C-alpha atoms as a PDB file:
ATOM      1  CA  MET A   1       4.185  -4.324  -0.406  1.00  0.00           C
ATOM      2  CA  GLN A   2       5.539  -0.879  -1.007  1.00  0.00           C
ATOM      3  CA  SER A   3       6.986   2.065   0.839  1.00  0.00           C
ATOM      4  CA  ASN A   4       5.438   5.465   0.493  1.00  0.00           C
ATOM      5  CA  LEU A   5       8.723   7.388   0.556  1.00  0.00           C
ATOM      6  CA  ALA A   6      10.539   5.351  -2.094  1.00  0.00           C
ATOM      7  CA  TYR A   7      10.425   7.335  -5.317  1.00  0.00           C
ATOM      8  CA  PHE A   8      10.963   4.384  -7.647  1.00  0.00           C
ATOM      9  CA  CYS A   9       7.752   2.466  -6.896  1.00  0.00           C
ATOM     10  CA  GLU A  10       4.726   4.695  -7.173  1.00  0.00           C
ATOM     11  CA  ASP A  11       1.223   3.614  -6.162  1.00  0.00           C
ATOM     12  CA  ALA A  12       0.162   3.413  -9.813  1.00  0.00           C
ATOM     13  CA  MET A  13       3.046   1.112 -10.710  1.00  0.00           C
ATOM     14  CA  ALA A  14       2.392  -1.158  -7.743  1.00  0.00           C
ATOM     15  CA  GLY A  15      -1.286  -1.322  -8.686  1.00  0.00           C
ATOM     16  CA  ARG A  16      -0.479  -2.293 -12.266  1.00  0.00           C
ATOM     17  CA  LEU A  17       1.848  -5.043 -11.078  1.00  0.00           C
ATOM     18  CA  ALA A  18      -0.722  -6.362  -8.594  1.00  0.00           C
ATOM     19  CA  LYS A  19      -3.330  -6.633 -11.358  1.00  0.00           C
ATOM     20  CA  LEU A  20      -1.044  -9.007 -13.244  1.00  0.00           C
ATOM     21  CA  VAL A  21      -1.153 -11.551 -10.410  1.00  0.00           C
ATOM     22  CA  PRO A  22      -4.388 -13.450  -9.741  1.00  0.00           C
ATOM     23  CA  GLY A  23      -5.650 -12.259  -6.359  1.00  0.00           C
ATOM     24  CA  GLY A  24      -2.886  -9.663  -6.196  1.00  0.00           C
ATOM     25  CA  HIS A  25      -3.196  -6.527  -4.110  1.00  0.00           C
ATOM     26  CA  THR A  26      -0.953  -3.837  -2.709  1.00  0.00           C
ATOM     27  CA  ALA A  27      -0.171  -2.694   0.799  1.00  0.00           C
ATOM     28  CA  THR A  28       1.675   0.480   1.711  1.00  0.00           C
ATOM     29  CA  VAL A  29       3.855   0.725   4.791  1.00  0.00           C
ATOM     30  CA  PRO A  30       3.743   4.419   5.757  1.00  0.00           C
ATOM     31  CA  ALA A  31       6.780   6.516   6.662  1.00  0.00           C
ATOM     32  CA  THR A  32       9.243   4.079   5.105  1.00  0.00           C
ATOM     33  CA  ALA A  33      11.596   4.169   2.154  1.00  0.00           C
ATOM     34  CA  HIS A  34      13.789   1.242   1.107  1.00  0.00           C
ATOM     35  CA  TYR A  35      13.544  -1.035   4.157  1.00  0.00           C
ATOM     36  CA  PRO A  36       9.942  -1.081   5.398  1.00  0.00           C
ATOM     37  CA  ASN A  37      10.616  -4.241   7.419  1.00  0.00           C
ATOM     38  CA  MET A  38      13.239  -2.368   9.464  1.00  0.00           C
ATOM     39  CA  GLU A  39      11.778   1.146   9.388  1.00  0.00           C
ATOM     40  CA  ASN A  40       8.268   0.166  10.515  1.00  0.00           C
ATOM     41  CA  PRO A  41       8.498  -3.480  11.596  1.00  0.00           C
ATOM     42  CA  ALA A  42       5.127  -3.615  13.366  1.00  0.00           C
ATOM     43  CA  ARG A  43       3.181  -2.434  10.322  1.00  0.00           C
ATOM     44  CA  PHE A  44       5.257  -4.565   7.955  1.00  0.00           C
ATOM     45  CA  SER A  45       4.614  -7.670  10.057  1.00  0.00           C
ATOM     46  CA  ALA A  46       0.894  -6.911  10.267  1.00  0.00           C
ATOM     47  CA  GLU A  47       0.625  -6.547   6.484  1.00  0.00           C
ATOM     48  CA  LEU A  48       2.692  -9.670   5.840  1.00  0.00           C
ATOM     49  CA  THR A  49       0.701 -11.719   8.354  1.00  0.00           C
ATOM     50  CA  SER A  50      -2.554 -10.531   6.824  1.00  0.00           C
ATOM     51  CA  PHE A  51      -1.345 -11.624   3.396  1.00  0.00           C
ATOM     52  CA  LEU A  52      -0.040 -15.000   4.575  1.00  0.00           C
ATOM     53  CA  GLU A  53      -3.383 -15.800   6.205  1.00  0.00           C
ATOM     54  CA  THR A  54      -4.988 -15.649   2.752  1.00  0.00           C
ATOM     55  CA  VAL A  55      -2.651 -18.146   1.101  1.00  0.00           C
END
């Protein structure tokens, strides 16, 4: 999961990392920087729950 305002983890980098993990994918939590779980908790929880349902 990544933040769209954090400059150190671009979409391309996250995509490359996700491809290294079998079944990996990315999710972006909009309008967040370093703490997406605190800055947008509803969206973070939705993305995390969606992921956990696949494991």
